[in-house]
Amino acid sequence: IRGGRVIDPLTDLDEVLNIGIENDKISVLTREELRANRTLDASGLV
């Protein structure tokens, strides 16, 4: 999930990030580009 405003309500995380998912879990949060079998462009979305 690329370029979305990622909000983790339990912490102060509220930032535009890329979320990498492997199998059924989140494997990475990063500002870097990620490669995947499928990419969802979440630009401008929460």
PDB file of all heavy atoms in Angstrom:
ATOM      1  N   ILE A   1       0.886  -1.163   0.000  1.00  0.00           N
ATOM      2  CA  ILE A   1       0.000   0.000   0.000  1.00  0.00           C
ATOM      3  C   ILE A   1       0.921   1.209   0.000  1.00  0.00           C
ATOM      4  O   ILE A   1       1.630   1.469   0.970  1.00  0.00           O
ATOM      5  CB  ILE A   1      -0.941  -0.004   1.218  1.00  0.00           C
ATOM      6  CG1 ILE A   1      -1.793  -1.272   1.206  1.00  0.00           C
ATOM      7  CG2 ILE A   1      -1.837   1.240   1.208  1.00  0.00           C
ATOM      8  CD1 ILE A   1      -2.693  -1.434   2.418  1.00  0.00           C
ATOM      9  N   ARG A   2       0.916   1.946  -1.108  1.00  0.00           N
ATOM     10  CA  ARG A   2       1.926   2.981  -1.350  1.00  0.00           C
ATOM     11  C   ARG A   2       1.380   4.392  -1.144  1.00  0.00           C
ATOM     12  O   ARG A   2       0.289   4.734  -1.612  1.00  0.00           O
ATOM     13  CB  ARG A   2       2.449   2.855  -2.781  1.00  0.00           C
ATOM     14  CG  ARG A   2       3.552   3.848  -3.134  1.00  0.00           C
ATOM     15  CD  ARG A   2       4.055   3.623  -4.545  1.00  0.00           C
ATOM     16  NE  ARG A   2       2.990   3.868  -5.532  1.00  0.00           N
ATOM     17  CZ  ARG A   2       3.030   3.434  -6.772  1.00  0.00           C
ATOM     18  NH1 ARG A   2       4.050   2.686  -7.178  1.00  0.00           N
ATOM     19  NH2 ARG A   2       2.053   3.725  -7.606  1.00  0.00           N
ATOM     20  N   GLY A   3       2.148   5.200  -0.425  1.00  0.00           N
ATOM     21  CA  GLY A   3       1.918   6.635  -0.390  1.00  0.00           C
ATOM     22  C   GLY A   3       0.713   7.113   0.382  1.00  0.00           C
ATOM     23  O   GLY A   3       0.260   8.239   0.192  1.00  0.00           O
ATOM     24  N   GLY A   4       0.177   6.295   1.275  1.00  0.00           N
ATOM     25  CA  GLY A   4      -0.962   6.717   2.079  1.00  0.00           C
ATOM     26  C   GLY A   4      -0.539   7.394   3.367  1.00  0.00           C
ATOM     27  O   GLY A   4       0.600   7.248   3.815  1.00  0.00           O
ATOM     28  N   ARG A   5      -1.452   8.160   3.946  1.00  0.00           N
ATOM     29  CA  ARG A   5      -1.215   8.757   5.258  1.00  0.00           C
ATOM     30  C   ARG A   5      -1.479   7.677   6.304  1.00  0.00           C
ATOM     31  O   ARG A   5      -2.616   7.373   6.637  1.00  0.00           O
ATOM     32  CB  ARG A   5      -2.143   9.959   5.476  1.00  0.00           C
ATOM     33  CG  ARG A   5      -2.029  10.596   6.846  1.00  0.00           C
ATOM     34  CD  ARG A   5      -3.130  11.628   7.047  1.00  0.00           C
ATOM     35  NE  ARG A   5      -3.210  12.067   8.435  1.00  0.00           N
ATOM     36  CZ  ARG A   5      -4.220  12.782   8.944  1.00  0.00           C
ATOM     37  NH1 ARG A   5      -5.231  13.164   8.154  1.00  0.00           N
ATOM     38  NH2 ARG A   5      -4.221  13.126  10.219  1.00  0.00           N
ATOM     39  N   VAL A   6      -0.434   7.075   6.800  1.00  0.00           N
ATOM     40  CA  VAL A   6      -0.538   5.946   7.714  1.00  0.00           C
ATOM     41  C   VAL A   6      -0.722   6.452   9.143  1.00  0.00           C
ATOM     42  O   VAL A   6       0.125   7.197   9.652  1.00  0.00           O
ATOM     43  CB  VAL A   6       0.713   5.048   7.615  1.00  0.00           C
ATOM     44  CG1 VAL A   6       0.629   3.899   8.624  1.00  0.00           C
ATOM     45  CG2 VAL A   6       0.858   4.505   6.198  1.00  0.00           C
ATOM     46  N   ILE A   7      -1.817   6.064   9.757  1.00  0.00           N
ATOM     47  CA  ILE A   7      -2.101   6.460  11.142  1.00  0.00           C
ATOM     48  C   ILE A   7      -2.164   5.218  12.013  1.00  0.00           C
ATOM     49  O   ILE A   7      -2.979   4.325  11.787  1.00  0.00           O
ATOM     50  CB  ILE A   7      -3.431   7.230  11.251  1.00  0.00           C
ATOM     51  CG1 ILE A   7      -3.397   8.507  10.404  1.00  0.00           C
ATOM     52  CG2 ILE A   7      -3.730   7.570  12.711  1.00  0.00           C
ATOM     53  CD1 ILE A   7      -4.700   9.298  10.431  1.00  0.00           C
ATOM     54  N   ASP A   8      -1.258   5.152  12.985  1.00  0.00           N
ATOM     55  CA  ASP A   8      -1.339   4.128  14.031  1.00  0.00           C
ATOM     56  C   ASP A   8      -1.827   4.826  15.291  1.00  0.00           C
ATOM     57  O   ASP A   8      -1.058   5.506  15.960  1.00  0.00           O
ATOM     58  CB  ASP A   8       0.032   3.489  14.274  1.00  0.00           C
ATOM     59  CG  ASP A   8      -0.019   2.452  15.379  1.00  0.00           C
ATOM     60  OD1 ASP A   8      -0.997   1.678  15.407  1.00  0.00           O
ATOM     61  OD2 ASP A   8       0.900   2.426  16.219  1.00  0.00           O
ATOM     62  N   PRO A   9      -3.119   4.700  15.615  1.00  0.00           N
ATOM     63  CA  PRO A   9      -3.707   5.528  16.681  1.00  0.00           C
ATOM     64  C   PRO A   9      -3.063   5.350  18.056  1.00  0.00           C
ATOM     65  O   PRO A   9      -3.121   6.260  18.879  1.00  0.00           O
ATOM     66  CB  PRO A   9      -5.172   5.078  16.697  1.00  0.00           C
ATOM     67  CG  PRO A   9      -5.414   4.489  15.361  1.00  0.00           C
ATOM     68  CD  PRO A   9      -4.120   3.852  14.971  1.00  0.00           C
ATOM     69  N   LEU A  10      -2.453   4.190  18.293  1.00  0.00           N
ATOM     70  CA  LEU A  10      -1.881   3.938  19.616  1.00  0.00           C
ATOM     71  C   LEU A  10      -0.596   4.736  19.845  1.00  0.00           C
ATOM     72  O   LEU A  10      -0.209   4.999  20.977  1.00  0.00           O
ATOM     73  CB  LEU A  10      -1.605   2.442  19.790  1.00  0.00           C
ATOM     74  CG  LEU A  10      -1.291   1.961  21.207  1.00  0.00           C
ATOM     75  CD1 LEU A  10      -2.479   2.190  22.137  1.00  0.00           C
ATOM     76  CD2 LEU A  10      -0.911   0.487  21.200  1.00  0.00           C
ATOM     77  N   THR A  11       0.066   5.110  18.753  1.00  0.00           N
ATOM     78  CA  THR A  11       1.322   5.854  18.850  1.00  0.00           C
ATOM     79  C   THR A  11       1.154   7.207  18.166  1.00  0.00           C
ATOM     80  O   THR A  11       0.063   7.595  17.775  1.00  0.00           O
ATOM     81  CB  THR A  11       2.459   5.070  18.171  1.00  0.00           C
ATOM     82  OG1 THR A  11       2.190   4.987  16.765  1.00  0.00           O
ATOM     83  CG2 THR A  11       2.560   3.655  18.733  1.00  0.00           C
ATOM     84  N   ASP A  12       2.255   7.898  18.004  1.00  0.00           N
ATOM     85  CA  ASP A  12       2.218   9.196  17.324  1.00  0.00           C
ATOM     86  C   ASP A  12       2.435   9.065  15.821  1.00  0.00           C
ATOM     87  O   ASP A  12       2.600  10.078  15.137  1.00  0.00           O
ATOM     88  CB  ASP A  12       3.291  10.126  17.909  1.00  0.00           C
ATOM     89  CG  ASP A  12       2.984  10.526  19.344  1.00  0.00           C
ATOM     90  OD1 ASP A  12       1.784  10.637  19.670  1.00  0.00           O
ATOM     91  OD2 ASP A  12       3.932  10.715  20.126  1.00  0.00           O
ATOM     92  N   LEU A  13       2.442   7.844  15.317  1.00  0.00           N
ATOM     93  CA  LEU A  13       2.688   7.655  13.888  1.00  0.00           C
ATOM     94  C   LEU A  13       1.535   8.211  13.064  1.00  0.00           C
ATOM     95  O   LEU A  13       0.397   7.754  13.160  1.00  0.00           O
ATOM     96  CB  LEU A  13       2.876   6.170  13.571  1.00  0.00           C
ATOM     97  CG  LEU A  13       3.109   5.836  12.089  1.00  0.00           C
ATOM     98  CD1 LEU A  13       4.385   6.497  11.583  1.00  0.00           C
ATOM     99  CD2 LEU A  13       3.156   4.332  11.867  1.00  0.00           C
ATOM    100  N   ASP A  14       1.832   9.234  12.264  1.00  0.00           N
ATOM    101  CA  ASP A  14       0.883   9.840  11.329  1.00  0.00           C
ATOM    102  C   ASP A  14       1.733  10.427  10.222  1.00  0.00           C
ATOM    103  O   ASP A  14       2.147  11.580  10.263  1.00  0.00           O
ATOM    104  CB  ASP A  14       0.052  10.915  12.036  1.00  0.00           C
ATOM    105  CG  ASP A  14      -1.042  11.501  11.149  1.00  0.00           C
ATOM    106  OD1 ASP A  14      -0.977  11.301   9.919  1.00  0.00           O
ATOM    107  OD2 ASP A  14      -1.950  12.161  11.689  1.00  0.00           O
ATOM    108  N   GLU A  15       2.012   9.599   9.209  1.00  0.00           N
ATOM    109  CA  GLU A  15       3.034   9.960   8.225  1.00  0.00           C
ATOM    110  C   GLU A  15       2.735   9.271   6.892  1.00  0.00           C
ATOM    111  O   GLU A  15       2.163   8.178   6.863  1.00  0.00           O
ATOM    112  CB  GLU A  15       4.395   9.506   8.762  1.00  0.00           C
ATOM    113  CG  GLU A  15       5.570   9.942   7.931  1.00  0.00           C
ATOM    114  CD  GLU A  15       6.890   9.540   8.576  1.00  0.00           C
ATOM    115  OE1 GLU A  15       6.899   9.175   9.776  1.00  0.00           O
ATOM    116  OE2 GLU A  15       7.912   9.568   7.859  1.00  0.00           O
ATOM    117  N   VAL A  16       3.143   9.901   5.817  1.00  0.00           N
ATOM    118  CA  VAL A  16       3.014   9.280   4.496  1.00  0.00           C
ATOM    119  C   VAL A  16       4.095   8.215   4.359  1.00  0.00           C
ATOM    120  O   VAL A  16       5.298   8.520   4.399  1.00  0.00           O
ATOM    121  CB  VAL A  16       3.139  10.323   3.373  1.00  0.00           C
ATOM    122  CG1 VAL A  16       3.156   9.629   2.005  1.00  0.00           C
ATOM    123  CG2 VAL A  16       1.995  11.319   3.443  1.00  0.00           C
ATOM    124  N   LEU A  17       3.662   6.960   4.229  1.00  0.00           N
ATOM    125  CA  LEU A  17       4.584   5.832   4.193  1.00  0.00           C
ATOM    126  C   LEU A  17       4.100   4.769   3.211  1.00  0.00           C
ATOM    127  O   LEU A  17       2.939   4.798   2.769  1.00  0.00           O
ATOM    128  CB  LEU A  17       4.707   5.190   5.580  1.00  0.00           C
ATOM    129  CG  LEU A  17       5.344   6.016   6.699  1.00  0.00           C
ATOM    130  CD1 LEU A  17       5.158   5.323   8.031  1.00  0.00           C
ATOM    131  CD2 LEU A  17       6.827   6.249   6.404  1.00  0.00           C
ATOM    132  N   ASN A  18       4.966   3.827   2.941  1.00  0.00           N
ATOM    133  CA  ASN A  18       4.617   2.639   2.181  1.00  0.00           C
ATOM    134  C   ASN A  18       4.535   1.463   3.148  1.00  0.00           C
ATOM    135  O   ASN A  18       5.402   1.309   4.020  1.00  0.00           O
ATOM    136  CB  ASN A  18       5.665   2.356   1.100  1.00  0.00           C
ATOM    137  CG  ASN A  18       5.807   3.507   0.126  1.00  0.00           C
ATOM    138  OD1 ASN A  18       4.813   4.113  -0.272  1.00  0.00           O
ATOM    139  ND2 ASN A  18       7.041   3.835  -0.243  1.00  0.00           N
ATOM    140  N   ILE A  19       3.514   0.641   2.980  1.00  0.00           N
ATOM    141  CA  ILE A  19       3.329  -0.527   3.836  1.00  0.00           C
ATOM    142  C   ILE A  19       3.559  -1.775   2.998  1.00  0.00           C
ATOM    143  O   ILE A  19       2.896  -1.981   1.976  1.00  0.00           O
ATOM    144  CB  ILE A  19       1.909  -0.573   4.430  1.00  0.00           C
ATOM    145  CG1 ILE A  19       1.615   0.680   5.253  1.00  0.00           C
ATOM    146  CG2 ILE A  19       1.730  -1.828   5.291  1.00  0.00           C
ATOM    147  CD1 ILE A  19       0.198   0.745   5.776  1.00  0.00           C
ATOM    148  N   GLY A  20       4.500  -2.609   3.428  1.00  0.00           N
ATOM    149  CA  GLY A  20       4.762  -3.868   2.749  1.00  0.00           C
ATOM    150  C   GLY A  20       4.137  -5.022   3.509  1.00  0.00           C
ATOM    151  O   GLY A  20       4.295  -5.137   4.728  1.00  0.00           O
ATOM    152  N   ILE A  21       3.411  -5.874   2.796  1.00  0.00           N
ATOM    153  CA  ILE A  21       2.699  -6.999   3.401  1.00  0.00           C
ATOM    154  C   ILE A  21       3.202  -8.301   2.797  1.00  0.00           C
ATOM    155  O   ILE A  21       3.298  -8.434   1.569  1.00  0.00           O
ATOM    156  CB  ILE A  21       1.178  -6.862   3.173  1.00  0.00           C
ATOM    157  CG1 ILE A  21       0.657  -5.597   3.878  1.00  0.00           C
ATOM    158  CG2 ILE A  21       0.436  -8.110   3.660  1.00  0.00           C
ATOM    159  CD1 ILE A  21      -0.742  -5.196   3.467  1.00  0.00           C
ATOM    160  N   GLU A  22       3.547  -9.232   3.661  1.00  0.00           N
ATOM    161  CA  GLU A  22       3.991 -10.546   3.232  1.00  0.00           C
ATOM    162  C   GLU A  22       3.107 -11.588   3.897  1.00  0.00           C
ATOM    163  O   GLU A  22       2.964 -11.596   5.122  1.00  0.00           O
ATOM    164  CB  GLU A  22       5.451 -10.759   3.613  1.00  0.00           C
ATOM    165  CG  GLU A  22       6.073 -11.975   2.969  1.00  0.00           C
ATOM    166  CD  GLU A  22       7.581 -12.025   3.160  1.00  0.00           C
ATOM    167  OE1 GLU A  22       8.116 -11.153   3.873  1.00  0.00           O
ATOM    168  OE2 GLU A  22       8.205 -12.940   2.602  1.00  0.00           O
ATOM    169  N   ASN A  23       2.498 -12.444   3.096  1.00  0.00           N
ATOM    170  CA  ASN A  23       1.509 -13.407   3.583  1.00  0.00           C
ATOM    171  C   ASN A  23       0.384 -12.647   4.278  1.00  0.00           C
ATOM    172  O   ASN A  23      -0.262 -11.823   3.670  1.00  0.00           O
ATOM    173  CB  ASN A  23       2.162 -14.450   4.485  1.00  0.00           C
ATOM    174  CG  ASN A  23       3.158 -15.304   3.728  1.00  0.00           C
ATOM    175  OD1 ASN A  23       2.889 -15.701   2.595  1.00  0.00           O
ATOM    176  ND2 ASN A  23       4.304 -15.570   4.322  1.00  0.00           N
ATOM    177  N   ASP A  24       0.188 -12.851   5.579  1.00  0.00           N
ATOM    178  CA  ASP A  24      -0.937 -12.224   6.268  1.00  0.00           C
ATOM    179  C   ASP A  24      -0.522 -11.101   7.210  1.00  0.00           C
ATOM    180  O   ASP A  24      -1.364 -10.569   7.940  1.00  0.00           O
ATOM    181  CB  ASP A  24      -1.723 -13.281   7.051  1.00  0.00           C
ATOM    182  CG  ASP A  24      -0.854 -14.057   8.037  1.00  0.00           C
ATOM    183  OD1 ASP A  24       0.366 -13.782   8.113  1.00  0.00           O
ATOM    184  OD2 ASP A  24      -1.384 -14.955   8.722  1.00  0.00           O
ATOM    185  N   LYS A  25       0.755 -10.709   7.183  1.00  0.00           N
ATOM    186  CA  LYS A  25       1.231  -9.725   8.156  1.00  0.00           C
ATOM    187  C   LYS A  25       1.951  -8.553   7.498  1.00  0.00           C
ATOM    188  O   LYS A  25       2.450  -8.652   6.380  1.00  0.00           O
ATOM    189  CB  LYS A  25       2.153 -10.393   9.173  1.00  0.00           C
ATOM    190  CG  LYS A  25       1.423 -11.373  10.091  1.00  0.00           C
ATOM    191  CD  LYS A  25       2.341 -11.940  11.135  1.00  0.00           C
ATOM    192  CE  LYS A  25       1.565 -12.895  12.061  1.00  0.00           C
ATOM    193  NZ  LYS A  25       2.463 -13.507  13.063  1.00  0.00           N
ATOM    194  N   ILE A  26       1.976  -7.456   8.242  1.00  0.00           N
ATOM    195  CA  ILE A  26       2.767  -6.296   7.835  1.00  0.00           C
ATOM    196  C   ILE A  26       4.228  -6.622   8.085  1.00  0.00           C
ATOM    197  O   ILE A  26       4.608  -7.001   9.205  1.00  0.00           O
ATOM    198  CB  ILE A  26       2.348  -5.049   8.650  1.00  0.00           C
ATOM    199  CG1 ILE A  26       0.885  -4.697   8.371  1.00  0.00           C
ATOM    200  CG2 ILE A  26       3.269  -3.875   8.341  1.00  0.00           C
ATOM    201  CD1 ILE A  26       0.318  -3.650   9.319  1.00  0.00           C
ATOM    202  N   SER A  27       5.037  -6.502   7.064  1.00  0.00           N
ATOM    203  CA  SER A  27       6.452  -6.824   7.236  1.00  0.00           C
ATOM    204  C   SER A  27       7.325  -5.579   7.298  1.00  0.00           C
ATOM    205  O   SER A  27       8.427  -5.616   7.858  1.00  0.00           O
ATOM    206  CB  SER A  27       6.943  -7.741   6.111  1.00  0.00           C
ATOM    207  OG  SER A  27       6.835  -7.095   4.864  1.00  0.00           O
ATOM    208  N   VAL A  28       6.853  -4.462   6.702  1.00  0.00           N
ATOM    209  CA  VAL A  28       7.708  -3.289   6.669  1.00  0.00           C
ATOM    210  C   VAL A  28       6.881  -2.016   6.518  1.00  0.00           C
ATOM    211  O   VAL A  28       5.861  -1.991   5.821  1.00  0.00           O
ATOM    212  CB  VAL A  28       8.732  -3.402   5.504  1.00  0.00           C
ATOM    213  CG1 VAL A  28       8.040  -3.577   4.177  1.00  0.00           C
ATOM    214  CG2 VAL A  28       9.678  -2.208   5.460  1.00  0.00           C
ATOM    215  N   LEU A  29       7.324  -0.964   7.202  1.00  0.00           N
ATOM    216  CA  LEU A  29       6.845   0.407   7.008  1.00  0.00           C
ATOM    217  C   LEU A  29       8.055   1.230   6.610  1.00  0.00           C
ATOM    218  O   LEU A  29       9.076   1.212   7.304  1.00  0.00           O
ATOM    219  CB  LEU A  29       6.261   0.982   8.305  1.00  0.00           C
ATOM    220  CG  LEU A  29       4.976   0.375   8.869  1.00  0.00           C
ATOM    221  CD1 LEU A  29       4.655   1.025  10.210  1.00  0.00           C
ATOM    222  CD2 LEU A  29       3.838   0.584   7.915  1.00  0.00           C
ATOM    223  N   THR A  30       7.974   1.942   5.507  1.00  0.00           N
ATOM    224  CA  THR A  30       9.156   2.636   5.017  1.00  0.00           C
ATOM    225  C   THR A  30       8.781   3.805   4.116  1.00  0.00           C
ATOM    226  O   THR A  30       7.687   3.837   3.550  1.00  0.00           O
ATOM    227  CB  THR A  30      10.066   1.659   4.229  1.00  0.00           C
ATOM    228  OG1 THR A  30      11.229   2.351   3.784  1.00  0.00           O
ATOM    229  CG2 THR A  30       9.338   1.055   3.039  1.00  0.00           C
ATOM    230  N   ARG A  31       9.726   4.738   3.983  1.00  0.00           N
ATOM    231  CA  ARG A  31       9.571   5.818   3.008  1.00  0.00           C
ATOM    232  C   ARG A  31      10.119   5.387   1.649  1.00  0.00           C
ATOM    233  O   ARG A  31       9.892   6.066   0.647  1.00  0.00           O
ATOM    234  CB  ARG A  31      10.313   7.070   3.496  1.00  0.00           C
ATOM    235  CG  ARG A  31       9.813   7.607   4.829  1.00  0.00           C
ATOM    236  CD  ARG A  31      10.544   8.879   5.216  1.00  0.00           C
ATOM    237  NE  ARG A  31      10.193   9.304   6.556  1.00  0.00           N
ATOM    238  CZ  ARG A  31      10.869   8.960   7.656  1.00  0.00           C
ATOM    239  NH1 ARG A  31      11.938   8.182   7.557  1.00  0.00           N
ATOM    240  NH2 ARG A  31      10.483   9.378   8.847  1.00  0.00           N
ATOM    241  N   GLU A  32      10.852   4.286   1.658  1.00  0.00           N
ATOM    242  CA  GLU A  32      11.466   3.795   0.430  1.00  0.00           C
ATOM    243  C   GLU A  32      10.441   3.093  -0.453  1.00  0.00           C
ATOM    244  O   GLU A  32       9.409   2.609   0.016  1.00  0.00           O
ATOM    245  CB  GLU A  32      12.608   2.819   0.762  1.00  0.00           C
ATOM    246  CG  GLU A  32      13.653   3.366   1.702  1.00  0.00           C
ATOM    247  CD  GLU A  32      14.440   4.515   1.097  1.00  0.00           C
ATOM    248  OE1 GLU A  32      14.551   4.564  -0.141  1.00  0.00           O
ATOM    249  OE2 GLU A  32      14.916   5.375   1.869  1.00  0.00           O
ATOM    250  N   GLU A  33      10.748   3.001  -1.750  1.00  0.00           N
ATOM    251  CA  GLU A  33       9.892   2.277  -2.677  1.00  0.00           C
ATOM    252  C   GLU A  33       9.978   0.776  -2.407  1.00  0.00           C
ATOM    253  O   GLU A  33      11.044   0.258  -2.053  1.00  0.00           O
ATOM    254  CB  GLU A  33      10.310   2.568  -4.122  1.00  0.00           C
ATOM    255  CG  GLU A  33       9.918   3.958  -4.605  1.00  0.00           C
ATOM    256  CD  GLU A  33       8.422   4.171  -4.625  1.00  0.00           C
ATOM    257  OE1 GLU A  33       7.691   3.255  -5.072  1.00  0.00           O
ATOM    258  OE2 GLU A  33       7.962   5.244  -4.182  1.00  0.00           O
ATOM    259  N   LEU A  34       8.869   0.101  -2.598  1.00  0.00           N
ATOM    260  CA  LEU A  34       8.804  -1.339  -2.381  1.00  0.00           C
ATOM    261  C   LEU A  34       8.263  -2.031  -3.622  1.00  0.00           C
ATOM    262  O   LEU A  34       7.450  -1.464  -4.351  1.00  0.00           O
ATOM    263  CB  LEU A  34       7.884  -1.653  -1.185  1.00  0.00           C
ATOM    264  CG  LEU A  34       8.297  -1.114   0.181  1.00  0.00           C
ATOM    265  CD1 LEU A  34       7.163  -1.310   1.186  1.00  0.00           C
ATOM    266  CD2 LEU A  34       9.562  -1.799   0.678  1.00  0.00           C
ATOM    267  N   ARG A  35       8.710  -3.245  -3.853  1.00  0.00           N
ATOM    268  CA  ARG A  35       8.223  -4.052  -4.968  1.00  0.00           C
ATOM    269  C   ARG A  35       7.285  -5.124  -4.443  1.00  0.00           C
ATOM    270  O   ARG A  35       7.532  -5.725  -3.406  1.00  0.00           O
ATOM    271  CB  ARG A  35       9.405  -4.707  -5.699  1.00  0.00           C
ATOM    272  CG  ARG A  35      10.334  -3.727  -6.378  1.00  0.00           C
ATOM    273  CD  ARG A  35      11.570  -4.417  -6.913  1.00  0.00           C
ATOM    274  NE  ARG A  35      11.226  -5.443  -7.897  1.00  0.00           N
ATOM    275  CZ  ARG A  35      11.504  -6.737  -7.765  1.00  0.00           C
ATOM    276  NH1 ARG A  35      12.111  -7.170  -6.671  1.00  0.00           N
ATOM    277  NH2 ARG A  35      11.189  -7.604  -8.717  1.00  0.00           N
ATOM    278  N   ALA A  36       6.197  -5.370  -5.191  1.00  0.00           N
ATOM    279  CA  ALA A  36       5.220  -6.361  -4.738  1.00  0.00           C
ATOM    280  C   ALA A  36       4.487  -6.967  -5.921  1.00  0.00           C
ATOM    281  O   ALA A  36       4.499  -6.418  -7.031  1.00  0.00           O
ATOM    282  CB  ALA A  36       4.208  -5.715  -3.786  1.00  0.00           C
ATOM    283  N   ASN A  37       3.832  -8.086  -5.664  1.00  0.00           N
ATOM    284  CA  ASN A  37       2.981  -8.691  -6.685  1.00  0.00           C
ATOM    285  C   ASN A  37       1.814  -7.780  -7.049  1.00  0.00           C
ATOM    286  O   ASN A  37       1.327  -7.792  -8.176  1.00  0.00           O
ATOM    287  CB  ASN A  37       2.450 -10.036  -6.186  1.00  0.00           C
ATOM    288  CG  ASN A  37       3.566 -11.040  -6.004  1.00  0.00           C
ATOM    289  OD1 ASN A  37       4.520 -11.067  -6.774  1.00  0.00           O
ATOM    290  ND2 ASN A  37       3.459 -11.858  -4.964  1.00  0.00           N
ATOM    291  N   ARG A  38       1.373  -6.984  -6.053  1.00  0.00           N
ATOM    292  CA  ARG A  38       0.315  -6.006  -6.314  1.00  0.00           C
ATOM    293  C   ARG A  38       0.575  -4.773  -5.471  1.00  0.00           C
ATOM    294  O   ARG A  38       0.943  -4.879  -4.290  1.00  0.00           O
ATOM    295  CB  ARG A  38      -1.064  -6.581  -5.980  1.00  0.00           C
ATOM    296  CG  ARG A  38      -2.176  -5.611  -6.367  1.00  0.00           C
ATOM    297  CD  ARG A  38      -3.562  -6.123  -6.074  1.00  0.00           C
ATOM    298  NE  ARG A  38      -4.544  -5.130  -6.510  1.00  0.00           N
ATOM    299  CZ  ARG A  38      -5.836  -5.166  -6.204  1.00  0.00           C
ATOM    300  NH1 ARG A  38      -6.324  -6.153  -5.477  1.00  0.00           N
ATOM    301  NH2 ARG A  38      -6.643  -4.216  -6.631  1.00  0.00           N
ATOM    302  N   THR A  39       0.346  -3.601  -6.071  1.00  0.00           N
ATOM    303  CA  THR A  39       0.533  -2.338  -5.363  1.00  0.00           C
ATOM    304  C   THR A  39      -0.748  -1.523  -5.429  1.00  0.00           C
ATOM    305  O   THR A  39      -1.352  -1.376  -6.484  1.00  0.00           O
ATOM    306  CB  THR A  39       1.687  -1.526  -5.976  1.00  0.00           C
ATOM    307  OG1 THR A  39       2.904  -2.264  -5.833  1.00  0.00           O
ATOM    308  CG2 THR A  39       1.838  -0.178  -5.276  1.00  0.00           C
ATOM    309  N   LEU A  40      -1.183  -1.023  -4.260  1.00  0.00           N
ATOM    310  CA  LEU A  40      -2.347  -0.141  -4.168  1.00  0.00           C
ATOM    311  C   LEU A  40      -1.845   1.281  -3.935  1.00  0.00           C
ATOM    312  O   LEU A  40      -1.099   1.531  -2.982  1.00  0.00           O
ATOM    313  CB  LEU A  40      -3.258  -0.561  -3.002  1.00  0.00           C
ATOM    314  CG  LEU A  40      -3.671  -2.036  -2.938  1.00  0.00           C
ATOM    315  CD1 LEU A  40      -4.562  -2.273  -1.717  1.00  0.00           C
ATOM    316  CD2 LEU A  40      -4.383  -2.462  -4.206  1.00  0.00           C
ATOM    317  N   ASP A  41      -2.243   2.198  -4.795  1.00  0.00           N
ATOM    318  CA  ASP A  41      -1.812   3.589  -4.661  1.00  0.00           C
ATOM    319  C   ASP A  41      -2.778   4.333  -3.746  1.00  0.00           C
ATOM    320  O   ASP A  41      -3.899   4.661  -4.124  1.00  0.00           O
ATOM    321  CB  ASP A  41      -1.768   4.247  -6.035  1.00  0.00           C
ATOM    322  CG  ASP A  41      -1.198   5.674  -5.973  1.00  0.00           C
ATOM    323  OD1 ASP A  41      -0.860   6.129  -4.861  1.00  0.00           O
ATOM    324  OD2 ASP A  41      -1.096   6.315  -7.035  1.00  0.00           O
ATOM    325  N   ALA A  42      -2.343   4.602  -2.518  1.00  0.00           N
ATOM    326  CA  ALA A  42      -3.177   5.252  -1.512  1.00  0.00           C
ATOM    327  C   ALA A  42      -2.883   6.738  -1.368  1.00  0.00           C
ATOM    328  O   ALA A  42      -3.219   7.344  -0.344  1.00  0.00           O
ATOM    329  CB  ALA A  42      -3.002   4.549  -0.168  1.00  0.00           C
ATOM    330  N   SER A  43      -2.315   7.340  -2.376  1.00  0.00           N
ATOM    331  CA  SER A  43      -1.978   8.769  -2.311  1.00  0.00           C
ATOM    332  C   SER A  43      -3.223   9.599  -1.981  1.00  0.00           C
ATOM    333  O   SER A  43      -4.273   9.437  -2.607  1.00  0.00           O
ATOM    334  CB  SER A  43      -1.408   9.227  -3.650  1.00  0.00           C
ATOM    335  OG  SER A  43      -0.263   8.487  -3.988  1.00  0.00           O
ATOM    336  N   GLY A  44      -3.084  10.479  -0.994  1.00  0.00           N
ATOM    337  CA  GLY A  44      -4.193  11.338  -0.595  1.00  0.00           C
ATOM    338  C   GLY A  44      -5.213  10.673   0.302  1.00  0.00           C
ATOM    339  O   GLY A  44      -6.205  11.296   0.693  1.00  0.00           O
ATOM    340  N   LEU A  45      -4.973   9.415   0.669  1.00  0.00           N
ATOM    341  CA  LEU A  45      -5.920   8.670   1.492  1.00  0.00           C
ATOM    342  C   LEU A  45      -5.302   8.318   2.846  1.00  0.00           C
ATOM    343  O   LEU A  45      -4.075   8.298   3.002  1.00  0.00           O
ATOM    344  CB  LEU A  45      -6.340   7.381   0.777  1.00  0.00           C
ATOM    345  CG  LEU A  45      -6.935   7.545  -0.631  1.00  0.00           C
ATOM    346  CD1 LEU A  45      -7.199   6.191  -1.257  1.00  0.00           C
ATOM    347  CD2 LEU A  45      -8.219   8.380  -0.583  1.00  0.00           C
ATOM    348  N   VAL A  46      -6.156   8.031   3.807  1.00  0.00           N
ATOM    349  CA  VAL A  46      -5.720   7.576   5.125  1.00  0.00           C
ATOM    350  C   VAL A  46      -5.669   6.053   5.128  1.00  0.00           C
ATOM    351  O   VAL A  46      -6.563   5.388   4.607  1.00  0.00           O
ATOM    352  CB  VAL A  46      -6.678   8.073   6.232  1.00  0.00           C
ATOM    353  CG1 VAL A  46      -6.464   7.308   7.544  1.00  0.00           C
ATOM    354  CG2 VAL A  46      -6.482   9.559   6.465  1.00  0.00           C
TER     355      VAL A  46
END
